[in-house]
Protein backbone atom coordinates (compact mmCIF):
# COMPACT_ATOMS: atom_id res chain seq x y z
CA UNK A 1 0.00 0.00 0.00
CA UNK A 2 1.32 3.42 -0.98
CA UNK A 3 1.58 5.93 1.85
CA UNK A 4 2.09 9.66 2.15
CA UNK A 5 3.64 9.18 5.60
CA UNK A 6 7.23 9.83 4.45
CA UNK A 7 6.17 13.18 3.02
CA UNK A 8 3.86 14.08 5.92
CA UNK A 9 6.53 13.46 8.56
CA UNK A 10 8.69 16.18 7.02
CA UNK A 11 5.96 18.71 6.20
CA UNK A 12 5.71 21.96 8.15
CA UNK A 13 1.97 21.84 7.41
CA UNK A 14 1.56 18.79 9.66
CA UNK A 15 1.49 19.27 13.42
CA UNK A 16 4.57 18.31 15.43
CA UNK A 17 2.61 15.64 17.31
CA UNK A 18 1.49 13.95 14.08
CA UNK A 19 4.99 14.17 12.62
CA UNK A 20 6.42 12.62 15.78
CA UNK A 21 3.96 9.72 15.61
CA UNK A 22 4.78 9.17 11.94
CA UNK A 23 8.54 9.22 12.61
CA UNK A 24 8.09 6.79 15.49
CA UNK A 25 6.05 4.48 13.23
CA UNK A 26 8.67 4.56 10.51
CA UNK A 27 11.38 3.35 12.87
CA UNK A 28 9.21 1.04 15.01
CA UNK A 29 9.28 -2.73 14.98
CA UNK A 30 6.61 -4.14 12.66
CA UNK A 31 4.40 -5.32 15.52
CA UNK A 32 4.18 -1.73 16.87
CA UNK A 33 3.96 0.16 13.59
CA UNK A 34 0.19 -0.02 13.02
CA UNK A 35 -0.61 1.28 16.50
CA UNK A 36 1.63 4.29 15.92
CA UNK A 37 0.08 4.90 12.50
CA UNK A 38 -3.37 4.79 14.10
CA UNK A 39 -2.20 7.42 16.58
CA UNK A 40 -0.95 9.61 13.73
CA UNK A 41 -4.21 9.15 11.84
CA UNK A 42 -6.25 10.13 14.90
CA UNK A 43 -4.16 13.27 15.38
CA UNK A 44 -4.52 14.23 11.72
CA UNK A 45 -8.26 13.56 11.81
CA UNK A 46 -8.73 15.71 14.93
CA UNK A 47 -6.57 18.56 13.68
CA UNK A 48 -7.63 18.71 10.05
CA UNK A 49 -11.21 17.49 10.06
CA UNK A 50 -10.43 15.17 7.16
CA UNK A 51 -12.58 12.04 7.10
CA UNK A 52 -11.22 9.07 9.03
CA UNK A 53 -10.88 6.93 5.90
CA UNK A 54 -8.84 9.66 4.19
CA UNK A 55 -6.32 10.07 7.00
CA UNK A 56 -5.96 6.31 7.33
CA UNK A 57 -5.17 6.11 3.62
CA UNK A 58 -2.68 8.97 3.92
CA UNK A 59 -0.67 7.19 6.59
CA UNK A 60 -0.86 3.80 4.86
CA UNK A 61 -3.51 1.99 6.89
CA UNK A 62 -6.41 -0.03 5.46
CA UNK A 63 -9.46 2.18 5.11
CA UNK A 64 -11.97 -0.19 6.71
CA UNK A 65 -13.64 0.59 10.00
CA UNK A 66 -13.03 4.02 11.46
PDB file of N, CA and C in Angstrom:
ATOM      1  N   UNK A   1       0.844  -1.176   0.000  1.00  0.00           N
ATOM      2  CA  UNK A   1       0.000   0.000   0.000  1.00  0.00           C
ATOM      3  C   UNK A   1       0.890   1.241   0.000  1.00  0.00           C
ATOM      4  N   UNK A   2       0.590   2.167  -0.882  1.00  0.00           N
ATOM      5  CA  UNK A   2       1.321   3.419  -0.978  1.00  0.00           C
ATOM      6  C   UNK A   2       0.913   4.326   0.172  1.00  0.00           C
ATOM      7  N   UNK A   3       1.837   5.080   0.703  1.00  0.00           N
ATOM      8  CA  UNK A   3       1.577   5.933   1.848  1.00  0.00           C
ATOM      9  C   UNK A   3       2.211   7.299   1.638  1.00  0.00           C
ATOM     10  N   UNK A   4       1.554   8.310   2.163  1.00  0.00           N
ATOM     11  CA  UNK A   4       2.095   9.663   2.145  1.00  0.00           C
ATOM     12  C   UNK A   4       2.886   9.947   3.421  1.00  0.00           C
ATOM     13  N   UNK A   5       2.979   8.979   4.312  1.00  0.00           N
ATOM     14  CA  UNK A   5       3.640   9.176   5.603  1.00  0.00           C
ATOM     15  C   UNK A   5       5.051   9.750   5.475  1.00  0.00           C
ATOM     16  N   UNK A   6       5.882   9.254   4.551  1.00  0.00           N
ATOM     17  CA  UNK A   6       7.233   9.830   4.455  1.00  0.00           C
ATOM     18  C   UNK A   6       7.228  11.325   4.128  1.00  0.00           C
ATOM     19  N   UNK A   7       6.272  11.750   3.360  1.00  0.00           N
ATOM     20  CA  UNK A   7       6.168  13.177   3.022  1.00  0.00           C
ATOM     21  C   UNK A   7       5.575  13.943   4.200  1.00  0.00           C
ATOM     22  N   UNK A   8       4.535  13.402   4.805  1.00  0.00           N
ATOM     23  CA  UNK A   8       3.864  14.075   5.918  1.00  0.00           C
ATOM     24  C   UNK A   8       4.796  14.284   7.101  1.00  0.00           C
ATOM     25  N   UNK A   9       5.685  13.332   7.375  1.00  0.00           N
ATOM     26  CA  UNK A   9       6.533  13.456   8.560  1.00  0.00           C
ATOM     27  C   UNK A   9       7.575  14.552   8.428  1.00  0.00           C
ATOM     28  N   UNK A  10       7.728  15.100   7.231  1.00  0.00           N
ATOM     29  CA  UNK A  10       8.687  16.184   7.019  1.00  0.00           C
ATOM     30  C   UNK A  10       8.010  17.501   6.646  1.00  0.00           C
ATOM     31  N   UNK A  11       6.696  17.520   6.624  1.00  0.00           N
ATOM     32  CA  UNK A  11       5.959  18.708   6.202  1.00  0.00           C
ATOM     33  C   UNK A  11       5.706  19.655   7.370  1.00  0.00           C
ATOM     34  N   UNK A  12       6.001  20.928   7.142  1.00  0.00           N
ATOM     35  CA  UNK A  12       5.714  21.957   8.148  1.00  0.00           C
ATOM     36  C   UNK A  12       4.218  22.196   8.290  1.00  0.00           C
ATOM     37  N   UNK A  13       3.423  21.672   7.357  1.00  0.00           N
ATOM     38  CA  UNK A  13       1.971  21.843   7.407  1.00  0.00           C
ATOM     39  C   UNK A  13       1.295  20.787   8.274  1.00  0.00           C
ATOM     40  N   UNK A  14       2.067  19.850   8.786  1.00  0.00           N
ATOM     41  CA  UNK A  14       1.558  18.791   9.664  1.00  0.00           C
ATOM     42  C   UNK A  14       2.032  19.110  11.081  1.00  0.00           C
ATOM     43  N   UNK A  15       1.155  18.919  12.041  1.00  0.00           N
ATOM     44  CA  UNK A  15       1.493  19.267  13.422  1.00  0.00           C
ATOM     45  C   UNK A  15       2.687  18.457  13.925  1.00  0.00           C
ATOM     46  N   UNK A  16       3.432  19.036  14.861  1.00  0.00           N
ATOM     47  CA  UNK A  16       4.573  18.309  15.427  1.00  0.00           C
ATOM     48  C   UNK A  16       4.178  16.966  16.049  1.00  0.00           C
ATOM     49  N   UNK A  17       3.016  16.898  16.681  1.00  0.00           N
ATOM     50  CA  UNK A  17       2.614  15.641  17.311  1.00  0.00           C
ATOM     51  C   UNK A  17       2.340  14.563  16.265  1.00  0.00           C
ATOM     52  N   UNK A  18       1.725  14.923  15.155  1.00  0.00           N
ATOM     53  CA  UNK A  18       1.485  13.952  14.082  1.00  0.00           C
ATOM     54  C   UNK A  18       2.799  13.540  13.425  1.00  0.00           C
ATOM     55  N   UNK A  19       3.690  14.504  13.216  1.00  0.00           N
ATOM     56  CA  UNK A  19       4.994  14.174  12.624  1.00  0.00           C
ATOM     57  C   UNK A  19       5.782  13.235  13.533  1.00  0.00           C
ATOM     58  N   UNK A  20       5.713  13.480  14.835  1.00  0.00           N
ATOM     59  CA  UNK A  20       6.421  12.623  15.783  1.00  0.00           C
ATOM     60  C   UNK A  20       5.883  11.191  15.735  1.00  0.00           C
ATOM     61  N   UNK A  21       4.551  11.057  15.692  1.00  0.00           N
ATOM     62  CA  UNK A  21       3.958   9.718  15.607  1.00  0.00           C
ATOM     63  C   UNK A  21       4.353   9.021  14.311  1.00  0.00           C
ATOM     64  N   UNK A  22       4.393   9.756  13.217  1.00  0.00           N
ATOM     65  CA  UNK A  22       4.783   9.174  11.936  1.00  0.00           C
ATOM     66  C   UNK A  22       6.253   8.764  11.937  1.00  0.00           C
ATOM     67  N   UNK A  23       7.116   9.587  12.523  1.00  0.00           N
ATOM     68  CA  UNK A  23       8.538   9.223  12.610  1.00  0.00           C
ATOM     69  C   UNK A  23       8.726   7.985  13.488  1.00  0.00           C
ATOM     70  N   UNK A  24       7.997   7.952  14.604  1.00  0.00           N
ATOM     71  CA  UNK A  24       8.091   6.786  15.487  1.00  0.00           C
ATOM     72  C   UNK A  24       7.632   5.528  14.759  1.00  0.00           C
ATOM     73  N   UNK A  25       6.560   5.638  13.977  1.00  0.00           N
ATOM     74  CA  UNK A  25       6.051   4.483  13.232  1.00  0.00           C
ATOM     75  C   UNK A  25       7.058   4.015  12.193  1.00  0.00           C
ATOM     76  N   UNK A  26       7.733   4.949  11.562  1.00  0.00           N
ATOM     77  CA  UNK A  26       8.668   4.557  10.506  1.00  0.00           C
ATOM     78  C   UNK A  26       9.876   3.801  11.047  1.00  0.00           C
ATOM     79  N   UNK A  27      10.221   4.041  12.309  1.00  0.00           N
ATOM     80  CA  UNK A  27      11.379   3.348  12.872  1.00  0.00           C
ATOM     81  C   UNK A  27      10.987   2.240  13.860  1.00  0.00           C
ATOM     82  N   UNK A  28       9.692   2.038  14.039  1.00  0.00           N
ATOM     83  CA  UNK A  28       9.212   1.037  15.006  1.00  0.00           C
ATOM     84  C   UNK A  28       9.325  -0.375  14.444  1.00  0.00           C
ATOM     85  N   UNK A  29       9.342  -1.316  15.369  1.00  0.00           N
ATOM     86  CA  UNK A  29       9.284  -2.725  14.979  1.00  0.00           C
ATOM     87  C   UNK A  29       7.927  -2.980  14.325  1.00  0.00           C
ATOM     88  N   UNK A  30       7.857  -3.900  13.393  1.00  0.00           N
ATOM     89  CA  UNK A  30       6.612  -4.141  12.658  1.00  0.00           C
ATOM     90  C   UNK A  30       5.388  -4.366  13.541  1.00  0.00           C
ATOM     91  N   UNK A  31       5.548  -5.039  14.663  1.00  0.00           N
ATOM     92  CA  UNK A  31       4.396  -5.316  15.519  1.00  0.00           C
ATOM     93  C   UNK A  31       3.864  -4.078  16.234  1.00  0.00           C
ATOM     94  N   UNK A  32       4.615  -2.976  16.229  1.00  0.00           N
ATOM     95  CA  UNK A  32       4.178  -1.728  16.872  1.00  0.00           C
ATOM     96  C   UNK A  32       3.792  -0.651  15.863  1.00  0.00           C
ATOM     97  N   UNK A  33       4.131  -0.873  14.610  1.00  0.00           N
ATOM     98  CA  UNK A  33       3.961   0.164  13.589  1.00  0.00           C
ATOM     99  C   UNK A  33       2.500   0.581  13.391  1.00  0.00           C
ATOM    100  N   UNK A  34       1.593  -0.373  13.275  1.00  0.00           N
ATOM    101  CA  UNK A  34       0.194  -0.023  13.021  1.00  0.00           C
ATOM    102  C   UNK A  34      -0.402   0.813  14.142  1.00  0.00           C
ATOM    103  N   UNK A  35      -0.077   0.497  15.377  1.00  0.00           N
ATOM    104  CA  UNK A  35      -0.609   1.277  16.501  1.00  0.00           C
ATOM    105  C   UNK A  35      -0.133   2.729  16.432  1.00  0.00           C
ATOM    106  N   UNK A  36       1.106   2.934  16.048  1.00  0.00           N
ATOM    107  CA  UNK A  36       1.627   4.294  15.921  1.00  0.00           C
ATOM    108  C   UNK A  36       1.008   5.014  14.723  1.00  0.00           C
ATOM    109  N   UNK A  37       0.749   4.285  13.650  1.00  0.00           N
ATOM    110  CA  UNK A  37       0.080   4.896  12.500  1.00  0.00           C
ATOM    111  C   UNK A  37      -1.362   5.273  12.845  1.00  0.00           C
ATOM    112  N   UNK A  38      -2.021   4.456  13.645  1.00  0.00           N
ATOM    113  CA  UNK A  38      -3.374   4.788  14.100  1.00  0.00           C
ATOM    114  C   UNK A  38      -3.336   6.073  14.925  1.00  0.00           C
ATOM    115  N   UNK A  39      -2.342   6.199  15.786  1.00  0.00           N
ATOM    116  CA  UNK A  39      -2.197   7.422  16.580  1.00  0.00           C
ATOM    117  C   UNK A  39      -2.019   8.632  15.671  1.00  0.00           C
ATOM    118  N   UNK A  40      -1.163   8.518  14.682  1.00  0.00           N
ATOM    119  CA  UNK A  40      -0.946   9.614  13.734  1.00  0.00           C
ATOM    120  C   UNK A  40      -2.231   9.942  12.988  1.00  0.00           C
ATOM    121  N   UNK A  41      -2.959   8.925  12.562  1.00  0.00           N
ATOM    122  CA  UNK A  41      -4.213   9.146  11.839  1.00  0.00           C
ATOM    123  C   UNK A  41      -5.230   9.862  12.725  1.00  0.00           C
ATOM    124  N   UNK A  42      -5.315   9.474  13.980  1.00  0.00           N
ATOM    125  CA  UNK A  42      -6.248  10.131  14.903  1.00  0.00           C
ATOM    126  C   UNK A  42      -5.886  11.595  15.100  1.00  0.00           C
ATOM    127  N   UNK A  43      -4.603  11.880  15.225  1.00  0.00           N
ATOM    128  CA  UNK A  43      -4.160  13.268  15.379  1.00  0.00           C
ATOM    129  C   UNK A  43      -4.527  14.067  14.132  1.00  0.00           C
ATOM    130  N   UNK A  44      -4.215  13.527  12.967  1.00  0.00           N
ATOM    131  CA  UNK A  44      -4.524  14.229  11.718  1.00  0.00           C
ATOM    132  C   UNK A  44      -6.023  14.446  11.557  1.00  0.00           C
ATOM    133  N   UNK A  45      -6.803  13.445  11.903  1.00  0.00           N
ATOM    134  CA  UNK A  45      -8.260  13.559  11.812  1.00  0.00           C
ATOM    135  C   UNK A  45      -8.767  14.680  12.729  1.00  0.00           C
ATOM    136  N   UNK A  46      -8.286  14.702  13.963  1.00  0.00           N
ATOM    137  CA  UNK A  46      -8.732  15.707  14.932  1.00  0.00           C
ATOM    138  C   UNK A  46      -8.298  17.117  14.535  1.00  0.00           C
ATOM    139  N   UNK A  47      -7.107  17.234  13.984  1.00  0.00           N
ATOM    140  CA  UNK A  47      -6.570  18.558  13.682  1.00  0.00           C
ATOM    141  C   UNK A  47      -6.991  19.109  12.330  1.00  0.00           C
ATOM    142  N   UNK A  48      -7.311  18.237  11.398  1.00  0.00           N
ATOM    143  CA  UNK A  48      -7.634  18.714  10.048  1.00  0.00           C
ATOM    144  C   UNK A  48      -9.110  18.609   9.707  1.00  0.00           C
ATOM    145  N   UNK A  49      -9.807  17.717  10.401  1.00  0.00           N
ATOM    146  CA  UNK A  49     -11.210  17.489  10.058  1.00  0.00           C
ATOM    147  C   UNK A  49     -11.395  16.614   8.831  1.00  0.00           C
ATOM    148  N   UNK A  50     -10.295  16.088   8.291  1.00  0.00           N
ATOM    149  CA  UNK A  50     -10.426  15.169   7.156  1.00  0.00           C
ATOM    150  C   UNK A  50     -11.144  13.908   7.616  1.00  0.00           C
ATOM    151  N   UNK A  51     -11.896  13.283   6.732  1.00  0.00           N
ATOM    152  CA  UNK A  51     -12.577  12.040   7.103  1.00  0.00           C
ATOM    153  C   UNK A  51     -11.585  10.970   7.557  1.00  0.00           C
ATOM    154  N   UNK A  52     -12.040  10.138   8.463  1.00  0.00           N
ATOM    155  CA  UNK A  52     -11.224   9.065   9.030  1.00  0.00           C
ATOM    156  C   UNK A  52     -10.606   8.199   7.936  1.00  0.00           C
ATOM    157  N   UNK A  53     -11.400   7.790   6.974  1.00  0.00           N
ATOM    158  CA  UNK A  53     -10.881   6.932   5.905  1.00  0.00           C
ATOM    159  C   UNK A  53      -9.756   7.612   5.135  1.00  0.00           C
ATOM    160  N   UNK A  54      -9.874   8.931   4.933  1.00  0.00           N
ATOM    161  CA  UNK A  54      -8.842   9.660   4.194  1.00  0.00           C
ATOM    162  C   UNK A  54      -7.523   9.706   4.951  1.00  0.00           C
ATOM    163  N   UNK A  55      -7.577   9.998   6.254  1.00  0.00           N
ATOM    164  CA  UNK A  55      -6.319  10.070   6.999  1.00  0.00           C
ATOM    165  C   UNK A  55      -5.691   8.686   7.145  1.00  0.00           C
ATOM    166  N   UNK A  56      -6.513   7.662   7.274  1.00  0.00           N
ATOM    167  CA  UNK A  56      -5.958   6.310   7.333  1.00  0.00           C
ATOM    168  C   UNK A  56      -5.239   5.980   6.030  1.00  0.00           C
ATOM    169  N   UNK A  57      -5.816   6.347   4.915  1.00  0.00           N
ATOM    170  CA  UNK A  57      -5.175   6.107   3.619  1.00  0.00           C
ATOM    171  C   UNK A  57      -3.874   6.896   3.511  1.00  0.00           C
ATOM    172  N   UNK A  58      -3.885   8.140   3.982  1.00  0.00           N
ATOM    173  CA  UNK A  58      -2.683   8.970   3.920  1.00  0.00           C
ATOM    174  C   UNK A  58      -1.504   8.348   4.659  1.00  0.00           C
ATOM    175  N   UNK A  59      -1.771   7.750   5.812  1.00  0.00           N
ATOM    176  CA  UNK A  59      -0.672   7.190   6.594  1.00  0.00           C
ATOM    177  C   UNK A  59      -0.369   5.734   6.237  1.00  0.00           C
ATOM    178  N   UNK A  60      -1.151   5.147   5.331  1.00  0.00           N
ATOM    179  CA  UNK A  60      -0.857   3.801   4.864  1.00  0.00           C
ATOM    180  C   UNK A  60      -1.580   2.695   5.582  1.00  0.00           C
ATOM    181  N   UNK A  61      -2.709   3.009   6.214  1.00  0.00           N
ATOM    182  CA  UNK A  61      -3.511   1.988   6.886  1.00  0.00           C
ATOM    183  C   UNK A  61      -4.687   1.572   6.008  1.00  0.00           C
ATOM    184  N   UNK A  62      -5.193   0.369   6.191  1.00  0.00           N
ATOM    185  CA  UNK A  62      -6.411  -0.033   5.464  1.00  0.00           C
ATOM    186  C   UNK A  62      -7.554   0.903   5.835  1.00  0.00           C
ATOM    187  N   UNK A  63      -8.411   1.185   4.896  1.00  0.00           N
ATOM    188  CA  UNK A  63      -9.462   2.182   5.113  1.00  0.00           C
ATOM    189  C   UNK A  63     -10.772   1.581   5.581  1.00  0.00           C
ATOM    190  N   UNK A  64     -10.747   0.446   6.202  1.00  0.00           N
ATOM    191  CA  UNK A  64     -11.969  -0.191   6.705  1.00  0.00           C
ATOM    192  C   UNK A  64     -12.601   0.614   7.820  1.00  0.00           C
ATOM    193  N   UNK A  65     -12.947  -0.052   8.885  1.00  0.00           N
ATOM    194  CA  UNK A  65     -13.645   0.591  10.003  1.00  0.00           C
ATOM    195  C   UNK A  65     -12.869   1.793  10.531  1.00  0.00           C
ATOM    196  N   UNK A  66     -13.632   2.806  10.876  1.00  0.00           N
ATOM    197  CA  UNK A  66     -13.034   4.016  11.460  1.00  0.00           C
ATOM    198  C   UNK A  66     -13.487   4.162  12.899  1.00  0.00           C
TER     199      UNK A  66
END
